[in-house]
Amino acid sequence: MQLAEPQDFERVLSSMCTEPHPAAREAAERFLATNPGDPGTYESVAALEERAVDLLGEVTGHPDPEGYVASGGTEANIQAVRIARNRADTDDPNVVAPTSAHFSFTKAADLLDVEYRTAPTTDHRADPAAMAELVDEDTVCVVAVAGSTEYGYVDPVPEVADLAHEVDALCHVDAAWGGFVLPFTDHAWGFDDAAVDTLTIDPHKMGQAAIPAGGLLVRDRELLDELAIRTPYLESTSQVTLTGTRSGAGVASAVAAMDALWPEGYREQYDRSMDNAEWLADQLAARGHDVVEPDLPLVAADLSVPMTEELRSRGWRVSKTGADEMRVVCMPHVTRSMLRSFVADLDWY
């Protein structure tokens, strides 16, 4: 049986993943069969994972980070909630997040038997006052989003962190998509900006690593120890990851991408992506659409569902927000030429 060709990226406009950097692709192929889940046996990829965590610390403002390369943002967010639950002294734990938080927190609450409370946002950002109404003595984690999935907006992370620590909860920041563009903005979002305890950042999104390559970072080693379980038949004695066997492809590709691009390559890519987002926002606004002003390289606008379906029929891979706005994510593969063609098809409709 002949395998089908993989999806190309020529008309992909709503994905938060992209074509991997050539160095990341090559590294992924070389380390495909290694297992960082068994660091005693696979020592070279274990050393690469330490390098990946150090580089992620540079990106997120942590001089001495701890963490690991996960499968993606969902796993990292689940693990952050697990850390918070395990360290807390309550039989009735809850997590408080804005309604803009990723659906992976719903999965985390279900898997970990934690109550999940969401507070309404203001202008697509977390409202600390609304979140404060939901926080109590059983709150184990308060979540901030740094680059929301639907709008690319950044929550007031320092205020959310302060709220968390008022009740001895952890502050978790989900920067899965935004983490590799936020260092080139004025936003306060990372470990050096606020009292952040745990953080999600995905190299396989704006970081241009191969899938799967997520990232979970913690401020202190003691937090990571909350996840540790014994591994009696491995050469290593314990494990903190959610999965056991992991492909070294994600680890190696994350290091290769960051070595190639951090920081100037990412800065240049952010500038191009942000320019494209602002150009598209202006084009849509000029055609009478209500546009959510881009904060990071993501554009949402009130294109109708029939119009979006017509664009899909012409090959454009576009999705909608929960409010039925079309969203375009200006990932590294999204060029100005692509966007001009997209606008031309929009005008045709």
C-alpha atoms as a PDB file:
ATOM      1  CA  MET A   1       0.000   0.000   0.000  1.00  0.00           C
ATOM      2  CA  GLN A   2       1.400   3.382  -0.994  1.00  0.00           C
ATOM      3  CA  LEU A   3       1.345   5.968   1.767  1.00  0.00           C
ATOM      4  CA  ALA A   4      -0.490   9.229   1.161  1.00  0.00           C
ATOM      5  CA  GLU A   5       1.507  12.435   0.945  1.00  0.00           C
ATOM      6  CA  PRO A   6       1.555  14.519   4.147  1.00  0.00           C
ATOM      7  CA  GLN A   7      -0.290  17.817   4.396  1.00  0.00           C
ATOM      8  CA  ASP A   8       1.652  20.674   2.847  1.00  0.00           C
ATOM      9  CA  PHE A   9       1.600  24.138   4.378  1.00  0.00           C
ATOM     10  CA  GLU A  10       0.844  26.243   1.288  1.00  0.00           C
ATOM     11  CA  ARG A  11      -2.673  27.139   2.449  1.00  0.00           C
ATOM     12  CA  VAL A  12      -2.545  26.330   6.166  1.00  0.00           C
ATOM     13  CA  LEU A  13      -3.533  29.498   8.022  1.00  0.00           C
ATOM     14  CA  SER A  14      -4.958  28.435  11.396  1.00  0.00           C
ATOM     15  CA  SER A  15      -2.456  25.877  12.676  1.00  0.00           C
ATOM     16  CA  MET A  16      -0.144  26.647  15.596  1.00  0.00           C
ATOM     17  CA  CYS A  17       2.395  24.204  14.219  1.00  0.00           C
ATOM     18  CA  THR A  18       4.695  24.860  11.292  1.00  0.00           C
ATOM     19  CA  GLU A  19       7.355  23.361   9.065  1.00  0.00           C
ATOM     20  CA  PRO A  20      10.373  22.468  11.211  1.00  0.00           C
ATOM     21  CA  HIS A  21      13.667  24.248  10.707  1.00  0.00           C
ATOM     22  CA  PRO A  22      15.978  22.152   8.455  1.00  0.00           C
ATOM     23  CA  ALA A  23      18.417  21.586  11.328  1.00  0.00           C
ATOM     24  CA  ALA A  24      15.539  20.453  13.547  1.00  0.00           C
ATOM     25  CA  ARG A  25      14.301  18.033  10.908  1.00  0.00           C
ATOM     26  CA  GLU A  26      17.755  16.491  10.480  1.00  0.00           C
ATOM     27  CA  ALA A  27      18.299  16.170  14.228  1.00  0.00           C
ATOM     28  CA  ALA A  28      14.890  14.530  14.684  1.00  0.00           C
ATOM     29  CA  GLU A  29      15.751  11.863  12.111  1.00  0.00           C
ATOM     30  CA  ARG A  30      19.110  11.119  13.747  1.00  0.00           C
ATOM     31  CA  PHE A  31      17.651  10.680  17.242  1.00  0.00           C
ATOM     32  CA  LEU A  32      14.370   9.041  16.252  1.00  0.00           C
ATOM     33  CA  ALA A  33      15.104   5.714  17.954  1.00  0.00           C
ATOM     34  CA  THR A  34      16.553   7.054  21.219  1.00  0.00           C
ATOM     35  CA  ASN A  35      14.560   7.147  24.439  1.00  0.00           C
ATOM     36  CA  PRO A  36      15.096  10.034  26.891  1.00  0.00           C
ATOM     37  CA  GLY A  37      12.726   8.183  29.226  1.00  0.00           C
ATOM     38  CA  ASP A  38      15.637   5.857  29.976  1.00  0.00           C
ATOM     39  CA  PRO A  39      18.498   8.311  30.532  1.00  0.00           C
ATOM     40  CA  GLY A  40      20.782   5.700  32.053  1.00  0.00           C
ATOM     41  CA  THR A  41      20.870   3.812  28.752  1.00  0.00           C
ATOM     42  CA  TYR A  42      20.472   6.699  26.289  1.00  0.00           C
ATOM     43  CA  GLU A  43      23.013   9.063  27.771  1.00  0.00           C
ATOM     44  CA  SER A  44      23.559  11.266  24.719  1.00  0.00           C
ATOM     45  CA  VAL A  45      19.901  12.204  24.359  1.00  0.00           C
ATOM     46  CA  ALA A  46      19.647  12.702  28.126  1.00  0.00           C
ATOM     47  CA  ALA A  47      22.438  15.264  27.869  1.00  0.00           C
ATOM     48  CA  LEU A  48      20.609  16.893  24.966  1.00  0.00           C
ATOM     49  CA  GLU A  49      17.481  17.170  27.101  1.00  0.00           C
ATOM     50  CA  GLU A  50      19.459  19.024  29.758  1.00  0.00           C
ATOM     51  CA  ARG A  51      20.662  21.364  27.019  1.00  0.00           C
ATOM     52  CA  ALA A  52      17.067  21.831  25.817  1.00  0.00           C
ATOM     53  CA  VAL A  53      15.899  22.772  29.310  1.00  0.00           C
ATOM     54  CA  ASP A  54      18.774  25.239  29.710  1.00  0.00           C
ATOM     55  CA  LEU A  55      17.897  26.890  26.390  1.00  0.00           C
ATOM     56  CA  LEU A  56      14.220  27.046  27.307  1.00  0.00           C
ATOM     57  CA  GLY A  57      15.302  28.717  30.529  1.00  0.00           C
ATOM     58  CA  GLU A  58      17.070  31.405  28.495  1.00  0.00           C
ATOM     59  CA  VAL A  59      13.934  31.976  26.440  1.00  0.00           C
ATOM     60  CA  THR A  60      11.689  32.226  29.513  1.00  0.00           C
ATOM     61  CA  GLY A  61      13.994  34.198  31.796  1.00  0.00           C
ATOM     62  CA  HIS A  62      15.069  31.461  34.215  1.00  0.00           C
ATOM     63  CA  PRO A  63      18.819  31.232  34.973  1.00  0.00           C
ATOM     64  CA  ASP A  64      18.616  27.765  36.537  1.00  0.00           C
ATOM     65  CA  PRO A  65      15.572  25.952  35.129  1.00  0.00           C
ATOM     66  CA  GLU A  66      14.339  22.452  35.775  1.00  0.00           C
ATOM     67  CA  GLY A  67      11.942  20.556  33.534  1.00  0.00           C
ATOM     68  CA  TYR A  68      11.760  18.246  30.576  1.00  0.00           C
ATOM     69  CA  VAL A  69      10.738  17.988  26.927  1.00  0.00           C
ATOM     70  CA  ALA A  70       7.125  16.844  26.827  1.00  0.00           C
ATOM     71  CA  SER A  71       4.914  15.776  23.948  1.00  0.00           C
ATOM     72  CA  GLY A  72       3.300  19.205  23.828  1.00  0.00           C
ATOM     73  CA  GLY A  73       1.313  21.811  25.689  1.00  0.00           C
ATOM     74  CA  THR A  74      -1.443  19.437  26.764  1.00  0.00           C
ATOM     75  CA  GLU A  75       0.952  17.142  28.602  1.00  0.00           C
ATOM     76  CA  ALA A  76       2.810  20.074  30.155  1.00  0.00           C
ATOM     77  CA  ASN A  77      -0.411  21.679  31.385  1.00  0.00           C
ATOM     78  CA  ILE A  78      -1.641  18.390  32.840  1.00  0.00           C
ATOM     79  CA  GLN A  79       1.670  17.946  34.631  1.00  0.00           C
ATOM     80  CA  ALA A  80       1.549  21.495  36.024  1.00  0.00           C
ATOM     81  CA  VAL A  81      -1.874  20.805  37.534  1.00  0.00           C
ATOM     82  CA  ARG A  82      -0.577  17.487  38.862  1.00  0.00           C
ATOM     83  CA  ILE A  83       2.329  19.246  40.569  1.00  0.00           C
ATOM     84  CA  ALA A  84      -0.046  21.749  42.146  1.00  0.00           C
ATOM     85  CA  ARG A  85      -2.432  19.065  43.333  1.00  0.00           C
ATOM     86  CA  ASN A  86       0.305  16.848  44.762  1.00  0.00           C
ATOM     87  CA  ARG A  87       1.959  19.603  46.786  1.00  0.00           C
ATOM     88  CA  ALA A  88      -1.269  20.961  48.283  1.00  0.00           C
ATOM     89  CA  ASP A  89      -2.767  20.017  51.622  1.00  0.00           C
ATOM     90  CA  THR A  90      -6.418  19.697  50.654  1.00  0.00           C
ATOM     91  CA  ASP A  91      -8.841  16.907  49.847  1.00  0.00           C
ATOM     92  CA  ASP A  92     -10.920  19.135  47.577  1.00  0.00           C
ATOM     93  CA  PRO A  93      -8.480  20.839  45.180  1.00  0.00           C
ATOM     94  CA  ASN A  94      -9.537  23.340  42.549  1.00  0.00           C
ATOM     95  CA  VAL A  95      -7.837  25.190  39.706  1.00  0.00           C
ATOM     96  CA  VAL A  96      -8.830  28.709  38.655  1.00  0.00           C
ATOM     97  CA  ALA A  97      -8.261  29.917  35.095  1.00  0.00           C
ATOM     98  CA  PRO A  98      -9.688  32.454  32.658  1.00  0.00           C
ATOM     99  CA  THR A  99     -12.231  31.230  30.114  1.00  0.00           C
ATOM    100  CA  SER A 100      -9.527  31.773  27.478  1.00  0.00           C
ATOM    101  CA  ALA A 101      -7.429  28.932  28.893  1.00  0.00           C
ATOM    102  CA  HIS A 102      -6.697  25.969  26.615  1.00  0.00           C
ATOM    103  CA  PHE A 103      -9.015  22.955  26.653  1.00  0.00           C
ATOM    104  CA  SER A 104      -6.165  20.840  28.020  1.00  0.00           C
ATOM    105  CA  PHE A 105      -7.008  22.173  31.493  1.00  0.00           C
ATOM    106  CA  THR A 106     -10.418  20.539  31.202  1.00  0.00           C
ATOM    107  CA  LYS A 107      -8.619  17.282  30.438  1.00  0.00           C
ATOM    108  CA  ALA A 108      -6.305  17.833  33.410  1.00  0.00           C
ATOM    109  CA  ALA A 109      -9.205  18.402  35.791  1.00  0.00           C
ATOM    110  CA  ASP A 110     -10.952  15.265  34.571  1.00  0.00           C
ATOM    111  CA  LEU A 111      -7.857  13.077  34.774  1.00  0.00           C
ATOM    112  CA  LEU A 112      -6.699  14.373  38.147  1.00  0.00           C
ATOM    113  CA  ASP A 113     -10.101  14.721  39.872  1.00  0.00           C
ATOM    114  CA  VAL A 114      -9.635  18.446  40.374  1.00  0.00           C
ATOM    115  CA  GLU A 115     -12.436  21.006  40.228  1.00  0.00           C
ATOM    116  CA  TYR A 116     -11.958  23.423  37.336  1.00  0.00           C
ATOM    117  CA  ARG A 117     -13.248  26.973  37.723  1.00  0.00           C
ATOM    118  CA  THR A 118     -13.142  29.557  34.948  1.00  0.00           C
ATOM    119  CA  ALA A 119     -13.581  33.311  35.235  1.00  0.00           C
ATOM    120  CA  PRO A 120     -14.767  35.626  32.446  1.00  0.00           C
ATOM    121  CA  THR A 121     -12.153  37.636  30.587  1.00  0.00           C
ATOM    122  CA  THR A 122     -12.034  41.354  29.867  1.00  0.00           C
ATOM    123  CA  ASP A 123     -10.996  42.272  26.322  1.00  0.00           C
ATOM    124  CA  HIS A 124      -9.884  38.664  25.790  1.00  0.00           C
ATOM    125  CA  ARG A 125      -7.483  38.755  28.748  1.00  0.00           C
ATOM    126  CA  ALA A 126      -7.725  37.296  32.244  1.00  0.00           C
ATOM    127  CA  ASP A 127      -9.469  39.557  34.741  1.00  0.00           C
ATOM    128  CA  PRO A 128      -7.686  39.099  38.099  1.00  0.00           C
ATOM    129  CA  ALA A 129     -10.653  40.570  39.997  1.00  0.00           C
ATOM    130  CA  ALA A 130     -13.035  38.031  38.433  1.00  0.00           C
ATOM    131  CA  MET A 131     -10.571  35.234  39.153  1.00  0.00           C
ATOM    132  CA  ALA A 132     -10.222  36.390  42.765  1.00  0.00           C
ATOM    133  CA  GLU A 133     -13.923  35.703  43.281  1.00  0.00           C
ATOM    134  CA  LEU A 134     -13.293  32.024  42.507  1.00  0.00           C
ATOM    135  CA  VAL A 135     -10.117  31.517  44.542  1.00  0.00           C
ATOM    136  CA  ASP A 136     -10.395  29.984  48.006  1.00  0.00           C
ATOM    137  CA  GLU A 137      -8.372  27.966  50.519  1.00  0.00           C
ATOM    138  CA  ASP A 138      -8.661  24.841  48.337  1.00  0.00           C
ATOM    139  CA  THR A 139      -7.250  26.509  45.215  1.00  0.00           C
ATOM    140  CA  VAL A 140      -4.032  24.730  44.255  1.00  0.00           C
ATOM    141  CA  CYS A 141      -3.231  26.468  40.960  1.00  0.00           C
ATOM    142  CA  VAL A 142      -4.094  29.746  39.258  1.00  0.00           C
ATOM    143  CA  VAL A 143      -3.524  29.829  35.498  1.00  0.00           C
ATOM    144  CA  ALA A 144      -2.446  32.669  33.240  1.00  0.00           C
ATOM    145  CA  VAL A 145      -2.256  32.455  29.461  1.00  0.00           C
ATOM    146  CA  ALA A 146       0.592  34.064  27.535  1.00  0.00           C
ATOM    147  CA  GLY A 147      -0.625  33.908  23.965  1.00  0.00           C
ATOM    148  CA  SER A 148      -4.160  32.532  23.940  1.00  0.00           C
ATOM    149  CA  THR A 149      -5.155  29.938  21.366  1.00  0.00           C
ATOM    150  CA  GLU A 150      -8.078  31.904  19.971  1.00  0.00           C
ATOM    151  CA  TYR A 151      -6.783  35.483  20.003  1.00  0.00           C
ATOM    152  CA  GLY A 152      -3.084  35.399  20.848  1.00  0.00           C
ATOM    153  CA  TYR A 153      -3.648  37.696  23.825  1.00  0.00           C
ATOM    154  CA  VAL A 154      -1.446  37.829  26.929  1.00  0.00           C
ATOM    155  CA  ASP A 155      -2.855  37.849  30.446  1.00  0.00           C
ATOM    156  CA  PRO A 156      -1.579  40.173  33.211  1.00  0.00           C
ATOM    157  CA  VAL A 157       0.762  37.494  34.520  1.00  0.00           C
ATOM    158  CA  PRO A 158       2.259  39.369  37.525  1.00  0.00           C
ATOM    159  CA  GLU A 159      -1.215  40.125  38.910  1.00  0.00           C
ATOM    160  CA  VAL A 160      -2.342  36.525  38.416  1.00  0.00           C
ATOM    161  CA  ALA A 161       0.816  35.280  40.154  1.00  0.00           C
ATOM    162  CA  ASP A 162       0.180  37.593  43.105  1.00  0.00           C
ATOM    163  CA  LEU A 163      -3.362  36.265  43.360  1.00  0.00           C
ATOM    164  CA  ALA A 164      -2.109  32.671  43.391  1.00  0.00           C
ATOM    165  CA  HIS A 165       0.382  33.272  46.151  1.00  0.00           C
ATOM    166  CA  GLU A 166      -2.165  35.013  48.361  1.00  0.00           C
ATOM    167  CA  VAL A 167      -3.647  31.558  48.969  1.00  0.00           C
ATOM    168  CA  ASP A 168      -0.399  29.552  48.707  1.00  0.00           C
ATOM    169  CA  ALA A 169      -1.375  28.229  45.284  1.00  0.00           C
ATOM    170  CA  LEU A 170       0.976  27.836  42.352  1.00  0.00           C
ATOM    171  CA  CYS A 171       0.945  30.178  39.385  1.00  0.00           C
ATOM    172  CA  HIS A 172       1.125  28.353  36.067  1.00  0.00           C
ATOM    173  CA  VAL A 173       1.681  30.193  32.786  1.00  0.00           C
ATOM    174  CA  ASP A 174       0.608  28.564  29.543  1.00  0.00           C
ATOM    175  CA  ALA A 175       2.950  30.045  26.934  1.00  0.00           C
ATOM    176  CA  ALA A 176       2.805  27.004  24.656  1.00  0.00           C
ATOM    177  CA  TRP A 177       2.376  29.080  21.506  1.00  0.00           C
ATOM    178  CA  GLY A 178       3.503  32.528  22.632  1.00  0.00           C
ATOM    179  CA  GLY A 179       6.734  31.591  24.377  1.00  0.00           C
ATOM    180  CA  PHE A 180       9.015  31.976  21.372  1.00  0.00           C
ATOM    181  CA  VAL A 181       7.690  35.403  20.370  1.00  0.00           C
ATOM    182  CA  LEU A 182       7.091  36.997  23.771  1.00  0.00           C
ATOM    183  CA  PRO A 183      10.798  37.678  24.506  1.00  0.00           C
ATOM    184  CA  PHE A 184      10.687  40.303  21.730  1.00  0.00           C
ATOM    185  CA  THR A 185       7.685  42.157  23.146  1.00  0.00           C
ATOM    186  CA  ASP A 186       7.102  44.366  26.187  1.00  0.00           C
ATOM    187  CA  HIS A 187       4.875  41.819  27.919  1.00  0.00           C
ATOM    188  CA  ALA A 188       5.659  40.636  31.443  1.00  0.00           C
ATOM    189  CA  TRP A 189       5.162  36.879  31.240  1.00  0.00           C
ATOM    190  CA  GLY A 190       8.201  34.777  32.221  1.00  0.00           C
ATOM    191  CA  PHE A 191      10.120  33.723  35.306  1.00  0.00           C
ATOM    192  CA  ASP A 192      12.063  36.990  35.434  1.00  0.00           C
ATOM    193  CA  ASP A 193       8.905  39.109  35.123  1.00  0.00           C
ATOM    194  CA  ALA A 194       6.702  37.582  37.813  1.00  0.00           C
ATOM    195  CA  ALA A 195       6.483  34.965  40.563  1.00  0.00           C
ATOM    196  CA  VAL A 196       5.726  32.190  38.069  1.00  0.00           C
ATOM    197  CA  ASP A 197       6.069  28.654  39.444  1.00  0.00           C
ATOM    198  CA  THR A 198       5.497  26.459  36.381  1.00  0.00           C
ATOM    199  CA  LEU A 199       5.419  27.265  32.679  1.00  0.00           C
ATOM    200  CA  THR A 200       4.494  25.569  29.416  1.00  0.00           C
ATOM    201  CA  ILE A 201       6.392  26.435  26.227  1.00  0.00           C
ATOM    202  CA  ASP A 202       6.351  24.390  23.019  1.00  0.00           C
ATOM    203  CA  PRO A 203       9.390  24.293  20.719  1.00  0.00           C
ATOM    204  CA  HIS A 204       7.242  22.577  18.059  1.00  0.00           C
ATOM    205  CA  LYS A 205       5.108  25.697  17.619  1.00  0.00           C
ATOM    206  CA  MET A 206       6.821  29.053  17.049  1.00  0.00           C
ATOM    207  CA  GLY A 207      10.098  27.402  18.089  1.00  0.00           C
ATOM    208  CA  GLN A 208      10.181  25.535  14.748  1.00  0.00           C
ATOM    209  CA  ALA A 209      11.132  22.135  16.189  1.00  0.00           C
ATOM    210  CA  ALA A 210       9.693  18.894  14.864  1.00  0.00           C
ATOM    211  CA  ILE A 211       6.589  17.419  16.479  1.00  0.00           C
ATOM    212  CA  PRO A 212       6.442  16.291  19.266  1.00  0.00           C
ATOM    213  CA  ALA A 213       8.486  18.776  21.280  1.00  0.00           C
ATOM    214  CA  GLY A 214       6.708  20.509  24.140  1.00  0.00           C
ATOM    215  CA  GLY A 215       8.240  21.913  27.260  1.00  0.00           C
ATOM    216  CA  LEU A 216       7.472  22.001  30.988  1.00  0.00           C
ATOM    217  CA  LEU A 217       9.634  24.241  33.161  1.00  0.00           C
ATOM    218  CA  VAL A 218       9.502  24.761  36.929  1.00  0.00           C
ATOM    219  CA  ARG A 219      11.054  27.448  39.087  1.00  0.00           C
ATOM    220  CA  ASP A 220      12.443  25.046  41.705  1.00  0.00           C
ATOM    221  CA  ARG A 221      13.512  21.389  41.581  1.00  0.00           C
ATOM    222  CA  GLU A 222      11.246  20.631  44.546  1.00  0.00           C
ATOM    223  CA  LEU A 223       8.231  21.238  42.345  1.00  0.00           C
ATOM    224  CA  LEU A 224       9.399  18.713  39.766  1.00  0.00           C
ATOM    225  CA  ASP A 225       9.973  16.204  42.571  1.00  0.00           C
ATOM    226  CA  GLU A 226       6.203  16.232  43.183  1.00  0.00           C
ATOM    227  CA  LEU A 227       5.933  14.133  40.015  1.00  0.00           C
ATOM    228  CA  ALA A 228       8.642  11.590  40.812  1.00  0.00           C
ATOM    229  CA  ILE A 229       7.867   7.874  40.831  1.00  0.00           C
ATOM    230  CA  ARG A 230      10.274   4.951  41.263  1.00  0.00           C
ATOM    231  CA  THR A 231      11.505   3.110  38.168  1.00  0.00           C
ATOM    232  CA  PRO A 232      13.035  -0.088  39.580  1.00  0.00           C
ATOM    233  CA  TYR A 233      13.924  -1.841  36.317  1.00  0.00           C
ATOM    234  CA  LEU A 234      15.633   1.151  34.655  1.00  0.00           C
ATOM    235  CA  GLU A 235      19.187   2.317  35.281  1.00  0.00           C
ATOM    236  CA  SER A 236      17.753   5.622  36.504  1.00  0.00           C
ATOM    237  CA  THR A 237      15.915   5.312  39.818  1.00  0.00           C
ATOM    238  CA  SER A 238      12.975   7.662  39.279  1.00  0.00           C
ATOM    239  CA  GLN A 239      10.998   9.447  36.582  1.00  0.00           C
ATOM    240  CA  VAL A 240       9.007  12.701  36.576  1.00  0.00           C
ATOM    241  CA  THR A 241       7.560  12.579  33.064  1.00  0.00           C
ATOM    242  CA  LEU A 242       3.968  11.619  32.256  1.00  0.00           C
ATOM    243  CA  THR A 243       4.899   9.217  29.478  1.00  0.00           C
ATOM    244  CA  GLY A 244       7.595   6.593  29.908  1.00  0.00           C
ATOM    245  CA  THR A 245       9.166   5.863  26.561  1.00  0.00           C
ATOM    246  CA  ARG A 246       9.673   9.080  24.579  1.00  0.00           C
ATOM    247  CA  SER A 247      11.306   9.577  21.216  1.00  0.00           C
ATOM    248  CA  GLY A 248      14.546  11.515  21.302  1.00  0.00           C
ATOM    249  CA  ALA A 249      13.450  13.169  18.050  1.00  0.00           C
ATOM    250  CA  GLY A 250      11.615  15.929  19.873  1.00  0.00           C
ATOM    251  CA  VAL A 251      14.485  16.574  22.253  1.00  0.00           C
ATOM    252  CA  ALA A 252      17.125  16.710  19.533  1.00  0.00           C
ATOM    253  CA  SER A 253      15.048  18.822  17.187  1.00  0.00           C
ATOM    254  CA  ALA A 254      14.256  21.324  19.951  1.00  0.00           C
ATOM    255  CA  VAL A 255      17.957  21.792  20.684  1.00  0.00           C
ATOM    256  CA  ALA A 256      18.817  22.061  16.986  1.00  0.00           C
ATOM    257  CA  ALA A 257      16.116  24.664  16.350  1.00  0.00           C
ATOM    258  CA  MET A 258      17.075  26.776  19.353  1.00  0.00           C
ATOM    259  CA  ASP A 259      20.788  26.540  18.590  1.00  0.00           C
ATOM    260  CA  ALA A 260      20.068  27.737  15.061  1.00  0.00           C
ATOM    261  CA  LEU A 261      17.581  30.496  15.876  1.00  0.00           C
ATOM    262  CA  TRP A 262      17.928  31.797  19.443  1.00  0.00           C
ATOM    263  CA  PRO A 263      17.763  34.704  19.752  1.00  0.00           C
ATOM    264  CA  GLU A 264      18.197  36.650  16.522  1.00  0.00           C
ATOM    265  CA  GLY A 265      16.516  34.156  14.210  1.00  0.00           C
ATOM    266  CA  TYR A 266      13.438  34.130  16.431  1.00  0.00           C
ATOM    267  CA  ARG A 267      13.492  37.921  16.670  1.00  0.00           C
ATOM    268  CA  GLU A 268      13.546  38.237  12.872  1.00  0.00           C
ATOM    269  CA  GLN A 269      10.779  35.685  12.530  1.00  0.00           C
ATOM    270  CA  TYR A 270       8.644  37.508  15.108  1.00  0.00           C
ATOM    271  CA  ASP A 271       9.071  40.769  13.205  1.00  0.00           C
ATOM    272  CA  ARG A 272       7.999  39.125   9.931  1.00  0.00           C
ATOM    273  CA  SER A 273       5.057  37.337  11.509  1.00  0.00           C
ATOM    274  CA  MET A 274       3.859  40.422  13.348  1.00  0.00           C
ATOM    275  CA  ASP A 275       4.146  42.542  10.202  1.00  0.00           C
ATOM    276  CA  ASN A 276       2.070  39.952   8.345  1.00  0.00           C
ATOM    277  CA  ALA A 277      -0.568  39.887  11.085  1.00  0.00           C
ATOM    278  CA  GLU A 278      -0.878  43.667  11.118  1.00  0.00           C
ATOM    279  CA  TRP A 279      -1.037  43.766   7.301  1.00  0.00           C
ATOM    280  CA  LEU A 280      -3.823  41.180   7.236  1.00  0.00           C
ATOM    281  CA  ALA A 281      -5.727  42.949  10.023  1.00  0.00           C
ATOM    282  CA  ASP A 282      -5.584  46.195   8.031  1.00  0.00           C
ATOM    283  CA  GLN A 283      -6.759  44.431   4.846  1.00  0.00           C
ATOM    284  CA  LEU A 284      -9.714  42.826   6.596  1.00  0.00           C
ATOM    285  CA  ALA A 285     -10.675  46.044   8.369  1.00  0.00           C
ATOM    286  CA  ALA A 286     -10.540  47.938   5.064  1.00  0.00           C
ATOM    287  CA  ARG A 287     -13.105  45.465   3.711  1.00  0.00           C
ATOM    288  CA  GLY A 288     -15.525  46.216   6.530  1.00  0.00           C
ATOM    289  CA  HIS A 289     -14.790  43.330   8.872  1.00  0.00           C
ATOM    290  CA  ASP A 290     -14.572  43.751  12.622  1.00  0.00           C
ATOM    291  CA  VAL A 291     -11.046  42.683  13.540  1.00  0.00           C
ATOM    292  CA  VAL A 292      -9.652  41.792  16.950  1.00  0.00           C
ATOM    293  CA  GLU A 293      -6.503  43.890  17.034  1.00  0.00           C
ATOM    294  CA  PRO A 294      -3.513  41.508  17.009  1.00  0.00           C
ATOM    295  CA  ASP A 295      -1.390  41.458  20.149  1.00  0.00           C
ATOM    296  CA  LEU A 296       0.866  38.628  18.956  1.00  0.00           C
ATOM    297  CA  PRO A 297       0.929  37.284  15.353  1.00  0.00           C
ATOM    298  CA  LEU A 298      -2.686  36.070  15.294  1.00  0.00           C
ATOM    299  CA  VAL A 299      -5.662  37.740  13.598  1.00  0.00           C
ATOM    300  CA  ALA A 300      -9.330  37.095  14.387  1.00  0.00           C
ATOM    301  CA  ALA A 301     -12.115  38.699  12.373  1.00  0.00           C
ATOM    302  CA  ASP A 302     -15.887  38.401  11.967  1.00  0.00           C
ATOM    303  CA  LEU A 303     -15.988  36.537   8.665  1.00  0.00           C
ATOM    304  CA  SER A 304     -19.250  34.636   8.394  1.00  0.00           C
ATOM    305  CA  VAL A 305     -19.428  30.869   8.668  1.00  0.00           C
ATOM    306  CA  PRO A 306     -20.553  30.525   4.991  1.00  0.00           C
ATOM    307  CA  MET A 307     -17.633  32.708   3.907  1.00  0.00           C
ATOM    308  CA  THR A 308     -15.217  30.593   5.938  1.00  0.00           C
ATOM    309  CA  GLU A 309     -16.658  27.422   4.421  1.00  0.00           C
ATOM    310  CA  GLU A 310     -16.197  28.878   0.933  1.00  0.00           C
ATOM    311  CA  LEU A 311     -12.557  29.647   1.721  1.00  0.00           C
ATOM    312  CA  ARG A 312     -12.100  26.072   2.932  1.00  0.00           C
ATOM    313  CA  SER A 313     -13.585  24.779  -0.305  1.00  0.00           C
ATOM    314  CA  ARG A 314     -10.882  26.732  -2.135  1.00  0.00           C
ATOM    315  CA  GLY A 315      -8.203  24.913  -0.152  1.00  0.00           C
ATOM    316  CA  TRP A 316      -7.580  27.336   2.721  1.00  0.00           C
ATOM    317  CA  ARG A 317      -7.208  25.600   6.078  1.00  0.00           C
ATOM    318  CA  VAL A 318      -8.893  28.086   8.418  1.00  0.00           C
ATOM    319  CA  SER A 319     -10.724  27.599  11.699  1.00  0.00           C
ATOM    320  CA  LYS A 320     -13.072  29.599  13.895  1.00  0.00           C
ATOM    321  CA  THR A 321     -12.990  30.913  17.448  1.00  0.00           C
ATOM    322  CA  GLY A 322     -15.701  29.959  19.917  1.00  0.00           C
ATOM    323  CA  ALA A 323     -17.447  33.194  18.905  1.00  0.00           C
ATOM    324  CA  ASP A 324     -17.365  32.156  15.209  1.00  0.00           C
ATOM    325  CA  GLU A 325     -14.637  34.584  14.192  1.00  0.00           C
ATOM    326  CA  MET A 326     -12.186  33.316  11.615  1.00  0.00           C
ATOM    327  CA  ARG A 327      -8.645  33.098  12.994  1.00  0.00           C
ATOM    328  CA  VAL A 328      -5.376  33.266  11.074  1.00  0.00           C
ATOM    329  CA  VAL A 329      -2.152  32.360  12.872  1.00  0.00           C
ATOM    330  CA  CYS A 330       0.864  33.959  11.199  1.00  0.00           C
ATOM    331  CA  MET A 331       3.271  31.093  11.723  1.00  0.00           C
ATOM    332  CA  PRO A 332       6.744  31.062  10.123  1.00  0.00           C
ATOM    333  CA  HIS A 333       5.423  29.286   7.011  1.00  0.00           C
ATOM    334  CA  VAL A 334       2.768  31.979   6.430  1.00  0.00           C
ATOM    335  CA  THR A 335       4.209  34.447   3.923  1.00  0.00           C
ATOM    336  CA  ARG A 336       2.933  37.781   2.638  1.00  0.00           C
ATOM    337  CA  SER A 337       2.399  36.119  -0.737  1.00  0.00           C
ATOM    338  CA  MET A 338       0.115  33.523   0.877  1.00  0.00           C
ATOM    339  CA  LEU A 339      -1.868  36.237   2.589  1.00  0.00           C
ATOM    340  CA  ARG A 340      -2.235  38.229  -0.629  1.00  0.00           C
ATOM    341  CA  SER A 341      -3.655  35.135  -2.323  1.00  0.00           C
ATOM    342  CA  PHE A 342      -5.981  34.597   0.619  1.00  0.00           C
ATOM    343  CA  VAL A 343      -7.286  38.168   0.449  1.00  0.00           C
ATOM    344  CA  ALA A 344      -7.742  37.809  -3.317  1.00  0.00           C
ATOM    345  CA  ASP A 345      -9.941  34.743  -2.774  1.00  0.00           C
ATOM    346  CA  LEU A 346     -11.815  36.615  -0.073  1.00  0.00           C
ATOM    347  CA  ASP A 347     -12.492  39.428  -2.544  1.00  0.00           C
ATOM    348  CA  TRP A 348     -13.673  36.896  -5.131  1.00  0.00           C
ATOM    349  CA  TYR A 349     -16.244  35.582  -2.674  1.00  0.00           C
END
